């Protein structure tokens, strides 16, 4: 997925766990990160998916349409990231 997103002109930083993510946010400063994707269970279901969040000055915030349910195609992932980034940049 990382390579596919990079091939579609997204800059991607991948980490293995939440601790690495927190450290990355502290090191990189949240203004340099536009979107965070977390592989997680979807609340109220047995499905897993990508949960999207955007960094803010004091915390991470979630917004509507923040889940991409698995399984998904590469194109669905690309479109999901594009949509989430367009919402992030409007705010």
C-alpha atoms as a PDB file:
ATOM      1  CA  UNK A   1       0.000   0.000   0.000  1.00  0.00           C
ATOM      2  CA  UNK A   2       2.836   2.375   0.824  1.00  0.00           C
ATOM      3  CA  UNK A   3       4.440   1.910  -2.602  1.00  0.00           C
ATOM      4  CA  UNK A   4       1.091   2.222  -4.375  1.00  0.00           C
ATOM      5  CA  UNK A   5       0.331   5.504  -2.596  1.00  0.00           C
ATOM      6  CA  UNK A   6       3.831   6.789  -3.304  1.00  0.00           C
ATOM      7  CA  UNK A   7       3.386   5.846  -6.971  1.00  0.00           C
ATOM      8  CA  UNK A   8       0.251   8.024  -6.883  1.00  0.00           C
ATOM      9  CA  UNK A   9       2.282  11.013  -5.679  1.00  0.00           C
ATOM     10  CA  UNK A  10       1.519  10.828  -1.956  1.00  0.00           C
ATOM     11  CA  UNK A  11       4.329  11.222   0.541  1.00  0.00           C
ATOM     12  CA  UNK A  12       4.009   8.272   2.938  1.00  0.00           C
ATOM     13  CA  UNK A  13       5.598   7.545   6.289  1.00  0.00           C
ATOM     14  CA  UNK A  14       4.807   4.099   7.672  1.00  0.00           C
ATOM     15  CA  UNK A  15       5.266   2.988  11.274  1.00  0.00           C
ATOM     16  CA  UNK A  16       4.785  -0.377  12.952  1.00  0.00           C
ATOM     17  CA  UNK A  17       2.885   0.616  16.082  1.00  0.00           C
ATOM     18  CA  UNK A  18       1.199   3.438  17.982  1.00  0.00           C
ATOM     19  CA  UNK A  19       4.307   4.288  20.000  1.00  0.00           C
ATOM     20  CA  UNK A  20       6.259   4.939  16.809  1.00  0.00           C
ATOM     21  CA  UNK A  21       3.363   7.066  15.541  1.00  0.00           C
ATOM     22  CA  UNK A  22       3.352   9.230  18.669  1.00  0.00           C
ATOM     23  CA  UNK A  23       7.120   9.656  18.494  1.00  0.00           C
ATOM     24  CA  UNK A  24       6.864  10.588  14.823  1.00  0.00           C
ATOM     25  CA  UNK A  25       4.202  13.199  15.556  1.00  0.00           C
ATOM     26  CA  UNK A  26       6.376  14.687  18.283  1.00  0.00           C
ATOM     27  CA  UNK A  27       9.460  14.729  16.055  1.00  0.00           C
ATOM     28  CA  UNK A  28       7.902  15.903  12.804  1.00  0.00           C
ATOM     29  CA  UNK A  29       5.487  18.447  14.304  1.00  0.00           C
ATOM     30  CA  UNK A  30       1.865  17.944  13.359  1.00  0.00           C
ATOM     31  CA  UNK A  31       1.866  20.752  10.788  1.00  0.00           C
ATOM     32  CA  UNK A  32       3.990  18.523   8.532  1.00  0.00           C
ATOM     33  CA  UNK A  33       1.496  15.631   8.617  1.00  0.00           C
ATOM     34  CA  UNK A  34      -1.839  16.010   6.833  1.00  0.00           C
ATOM     35  CA  UNK A  35      -3.453  12.618   7.424  1.00  0.00           C
ATOM     36  CA  UNK A  36      -3.025   9.592   9.652  1.00  0.00           C
ATOM     37  CA  UNK A  37      -4.383   6.159   8.689  1.00  0.00           C
ATOM     38  CA  UNK A  38      -4.803   3.570  11.422  1.00  0.00           C
ATOM     39  CA  UNK A  39      -5.600  -0.101  10.775  1.00  0.00           C
ATOM     40  CA  UNK A  40      -8.284  -0.842  13.379  1.00  0.00           C
ATOM     41  CA  UNK A  41     -11.620  -2.608  14.041  1.00  0.00           C
ATOM     42  CA  UNK A  42     -14.642  -0.577  12.959  1.00  0.00           C
ATOM     43  CA  UNK A  43     -16.836   0.172  16.002  1.00  0.00           C
ATOM     44  CA  UNK A  44     -20.056  -1.834  16.137  1.00  0.00           C
ATOM     45  CA  UNK A  45     -18.881  -4.394  13.575  1.00  0.00           C
ATOM     46  CA  UNK A  46     -16.512  -7.309  13.249  1.00  0.00           C
ATOM     47  CA  UNK A  47     -14.905  -5.627  10.222  1.00  0.00           C
ATOM     48  CA  UNK A  48     -11.510  -4.004  10.117  1.00  0.00           C
ATOM     49  CA  UNK A  49     -10.648  -0.944   8.144  1.00  0.00           C
ATOM     50  CA  UNK A  50      -8.547   2.159   7.907  1.00  0.00           C
ATOM     51  CA  UNK A  51      -9.529   4.907  10.303  1.00  0.00           C
ATOM     52  CA  UNK A  52      -8.453   8.361   9.168  1.00  0.00           C
ATOM     53  CA  UNK A  53      -7.503  11.179  11.487  1.00  0.00           C
ATOM     54  CA  UNK A  54      -5.892  14.550  11.125  1.00  0.00           C
ATOM     55  CA  UNK A  55      -3.483  16.088  13.605  1.00  0.00           C
ATOM     56  CA  UNK A  56      -4.469  19.337  15.331  1.00  0.00           C
ATOM     57  CA  UNK A  57      -2.578  21.565  17.700  1.00  0.00           C
ATOM     58  CA  UNK A  58      -3.552  19.631  20.818  1.00  0.00           C
ATOM     59  CA  UNK A  59      -4.996  16.288  19.738  1.00  0.00           C
ATOM     60  CA  UNK A  60      -6.062  14.055  16.886  1.00  0.00           C
ATOM     61  CA  UNK A  61      -9.537  14.683  15.538  1.00  0.00           C
ATOM     62  CA  UNK A  62     -11.874  12.334  13.687  1.00  0.00           C
ATOM     63  CA  UNK A  63     -14.401  13.432  11.101  1.00  0.00           C
ATOM     64  CA  UNK A  64     -17.337  11.980   9.128  1.00  0.00           C
ATOM     65  CA  UNK A  65     -16.617   9.244   6.565  1.00  0.00           C
ATOM     66  CA  UNK A  66     -13.438   8.370   8.404  1.00  0.00           C
ATOM     67  CA  UNK A  67     -13.466   4.606   7.768  1.00  0.00           C
ATOM     68  CA  UNK A  68     -12.445   2.641   4.701  1.00  0.00           C
ATOM     69  CA  UNK A  69     -13.751  -0.873   5.266  1.00  0.00           C
ATOM     70  CA  UNK A  70     -11.593  -3.863   4.322  1.00  0.00           C
ATOM     71  CA  UNK A  71     -11.264  -5.422   1.877  1.00  0.00           C
ATOM     72  CA  UNK A  72     -10.724  -2.507  -0.476  1.00  0.00           C
ATOM     73  CA  UNK A  73      -9.071  -2.087  -3.848  1.00  0.00           C
ATOM     74  CA  UNK A  74      -5.995   0.010  -4.458  1.00  0.00           C
ATOM     75  CA  UNK A  75      -8.134   2.511  -6.302  1.00  0.00           C
ATOM     76  CA  UNK A  76     -10.565   2.756  -3.368  1.00  0.00           C
ATOM     77  CA  UNK A  77      -7.601   3.420  -1.058  1.00  0.00           C
ATOM     78  CA  UNK A  78      -6.228   6.097  -3.382  1.00  0.00           C
ATOM     79  CA  UNK A  79      -9.630   7.790  -3.666  1.00  0.00           C
ATOM     80  CA  UNK A  80     -10.201   7.577   0.101  1.00  0.00           C
ATOM     81  CA  UNK A  81      -6.857   9.256   0.802  1.00  0.00           C
ATOM     82  CA  UNK A  82      -7.530  11.942  -1.821  1.00  0.00           C
ATOM     83  CA  UNK A  83     -10.977  12.641  -0.365  1.00  0.00           C
ATOM     84  CA  UNK A  84      -9.679  12.781   3.208  1.00  0.00           C
ATOM     85  CA  UNK A  85      -6.823  15.094   2.225  1.00  0.00           C
ATOM     86  CA  UNK A  86      -9.175  17.429   0.373  1.00  0.00           C
ATOM     87  CA  UNK A  87     -11.336  17.680   3.505  1.00  0.00           C
ATOM     88  CA  UNK A  88      -8.274  18.247   5.689  1.00  0.00           C
ATOM     89  CA  UNK A  89      -6.960  21.023   3.479  1.00  0.00           C
ATOM     90  CA  UNK A  90     -10.332  22.821   3.440  1.00  0.00           C
ATOM     91  CA  UNK A  91     -10.305  23.132   7.259  1.00  0.00           C
END
